[in-house]
Amino acid sequence: MRLLFDQNLSPRLVQLLADLFPDSAHVLNAGLAEADDSAVWQFAIENRCTIVSKDGDFRQLSFLAGAPPKIVWVRMGNCSTADIVAALRRRASDLRDFEEAGEAALLIID
């Protein structure tokens, strides 16, 4: 499973979760630091990534366009990177099941 972390999440997530999701990237490393949501969306489609974001705009795009790409919406409010790492680790099997579910477009992590 290849995750693409949005700009509202720490770039350190790539390294901190590399043991579970080794092919993941952050928008900064993908050359998308200044990109709008549609460019990130298109990159995720072309590179078969699941977008992980705290941004509700991707949730809306998911409702409008469906998958791909799949969206993981982190609905945890103001929290630390460690909290996000813990939540994603706790839900790792759900994330993998989500990837395999062809019709699923949105997974909420809270």
Protein backbone atom coordinates (compact mmCIF):
# COMPACT_ATOMS: atom_id res chain seq x y z
CA MET A 1 0.00 0.00 0.00
CA ARG A 2 1.42 3.33 -1.05
CA LEU A 3 0.33 6.29 1.06
CA LEU A 4 0.71 9.90 -0.05
CA PHE A 5 0.71 12.22 2.96
CA ASP A 6 -0.77 15.66 2.34
CA GLN A 7 0.95 18.92 3.28
CA ASN A 8 -1.10 19.26 6.47
CA LEU A 9 0.69 16.19 7.88
CA SER A 10 4.32 15.90 8.90
CA PRO A 11 6.83 14.69 6.29
CA ARG A 12 8.31 12.58 9.10
CA LEU A 13 5.35 10.19 8.76
CA VAL A 14 7.03 8.60 5.75
CA GLN A 15 10.00 7.49 7.84
CA LEU A 16 8.02 6.78 11.00
CA LEU A 17 5.70 4.39 9.15
CA ALA A 18 8.21 2.95 6.66
CA ASP A 19 8.11 -0.48 8.30
CA LEU A 20 4.36 -0.77 7.58
CA PHE A 21 4.02 1.32 4.43
CA PRO A 22 7.47 1.32 2.78
CA ASP A 23 6.46 2.82 -0.57
CA SER A 24 4.84 5.90 0.90
CA ALA A 25 5.68 9.53 0.14
CA HIS A 26 4.89 13.03 1.28
CA VAL A 27 3.76 15.75 -1.12
CA LEU A 28 6.98 17.65 -0.36
CA ASN A 29 9.10 14.75 -1.60
CA ALA A 30 6.84 14.24 -4.61
CA GLY A 31 7.38 17.80 -5.87
CA LEU A 32 3.88 18.84 -4.86
CA ALA A 33 4.67 21.28 -2.05
CA GLU A 34 2.81 24.14 -3.72
CA ALA A 35 0.33 22.01 -5.65
CA ASP A 36 -3.41 22.41 -5.33
CA ASP A 37 -5.70 19.54 -4.37
CA SER A 38 -6.46 18.61 -7.98
CA ALA A 39 -2.74 18.17 -8.76
CA VAL A 40 -2.28 15.99 -5.66
CA TRP A 41 -5.37 14.00 -6.68
CA GLN A 42 -4.02 13.46 -10.20
CA PHE A 43 -0.58 12.47 -8.90
CA ALA A 44 -2.22 9.92 -6.59
CA ILE A 45 -4.17 8.41 -9.49
CA GLU A 46 -1.12 8.21 -11.75
CA ASN A 47 1.08 6.72 -9.02
CA ARG A 48 -1.54 4.47 -7.43
CA CYS A 49 -1.39 6.18 -4.03
CA THR A 50 -3.91 6.49 -1.26
CA ILE A 51 -4.06 10.11 -0.07
CA VAL A 52 -3.83 10.62 3.70
CA SER A 53 -4.98 14.06 4.78
CA LYS A 54 -6.58 16.10 7.52
CA ASP A 55 -8.12 18.25 4.78
CA GLY A 56 -11.88 17.85 4.36
CA ASP A 57 -11.56 18.93 0.72
CA PHE A 58 -10.28 15.48 -0.20
CA ARG A 59 -13.29 13.95 1.54
CA GLN A 60 -15.52 16.09 -0.66
CA LEU A 61 -13.59 15.14 -3.81
CA SER A 62 -13.99 11.51 -2.79
CA PHE A 63 -17.78 11.92 -2.61
CA LEU A 64 -17.88 13.68 -5.97
CA ALA A 65 -15.43 11.60 -7.99
CA GLY A 66 -15.13 8.31 -6.12
CA ALA A 67 -11.99 6.22 -6.25
CA PRO A 68 -9.29 6.19 -7.42
CA PRO A 69 -7.60 7.57 -5.53
CA LYS A 70 -8.74 6.34 -2.19
CA ILE A 71 -8.76 8.84 0.68
CA VAL A 72 -7.84 8.34 4.31
CA TRP A 73 -9.26 11.29 6.21
CA VAL A 74 -7.50 11.85 9.54
CA ARG A 75 -10.16 13.46 11.71
CA MET A 76 -8.17 13.91 14.87
CA GLY A 77 -8.19 17.67 15.31
CA ASN A 78 -5.13 19.28 16.85
CA CYS A 79 -2.84 16.38 17.66
CA SER A 80 0.81 15.42 17.51
CA THR A 81 2.57 13.46 14.81
CA ALA A 82 3.05 10.71 17.39
CA ASP A 83 -0.74 10.54 17.83
CA ILE A 84 -1.21 10.15 14.08
CA VAL A 85 1.48 7.48 13.90
CA ALA A 86 -0.21 5.58 16.74
CA ALA A 87 -3.63 5.82 15.07
CA LEU A 88 -2.33 4.64 11.69
CA ARG A 89 -0.44 1.78 13.31
CA ARG A 90 -3.53 0.81 15.29
CA ARG A 91 -5.61 0.82 12.09
CA ALA A 92 -3.00 -0.76 9.78
CA SER A 93 -5.12 -3.84 9.07
CA ASP A 94 -8.14 -1.60 8.35
CA LEU A 95 -5.99 0.39 5.93
CA ARG A 96 -4.98 -2.78 4.10
CA ASP A 97 -8.58 -4.00 3.98
CA PHE A 98 -9.62 -0.59 2.68
CA GLU A 99 -7.08 -0.83 -0.13
CA GLU A 100 -8.48 -4.21 -1.16
CA ALA A 101 -12.12 -3.07 -1.06
CA GLY A 102 -12.67 -2.08 -4.67
CA GLU A 103 -15.75 0.07 -4.10
CA ALA A 104 -14.50 1.87 -0.97
CA ALA A 105 -13.35 5.45 -1.51
CA LEU A 106 -13.05 6.95 1.99
CA LEU A 107 -11.70 5.70 5.31
CA ILE A 108 -11.99 7.91 8.38
CA ILE A 109 -9.34 7.71 11.09
CA ASP A 110 -10.39 9.35 14.36
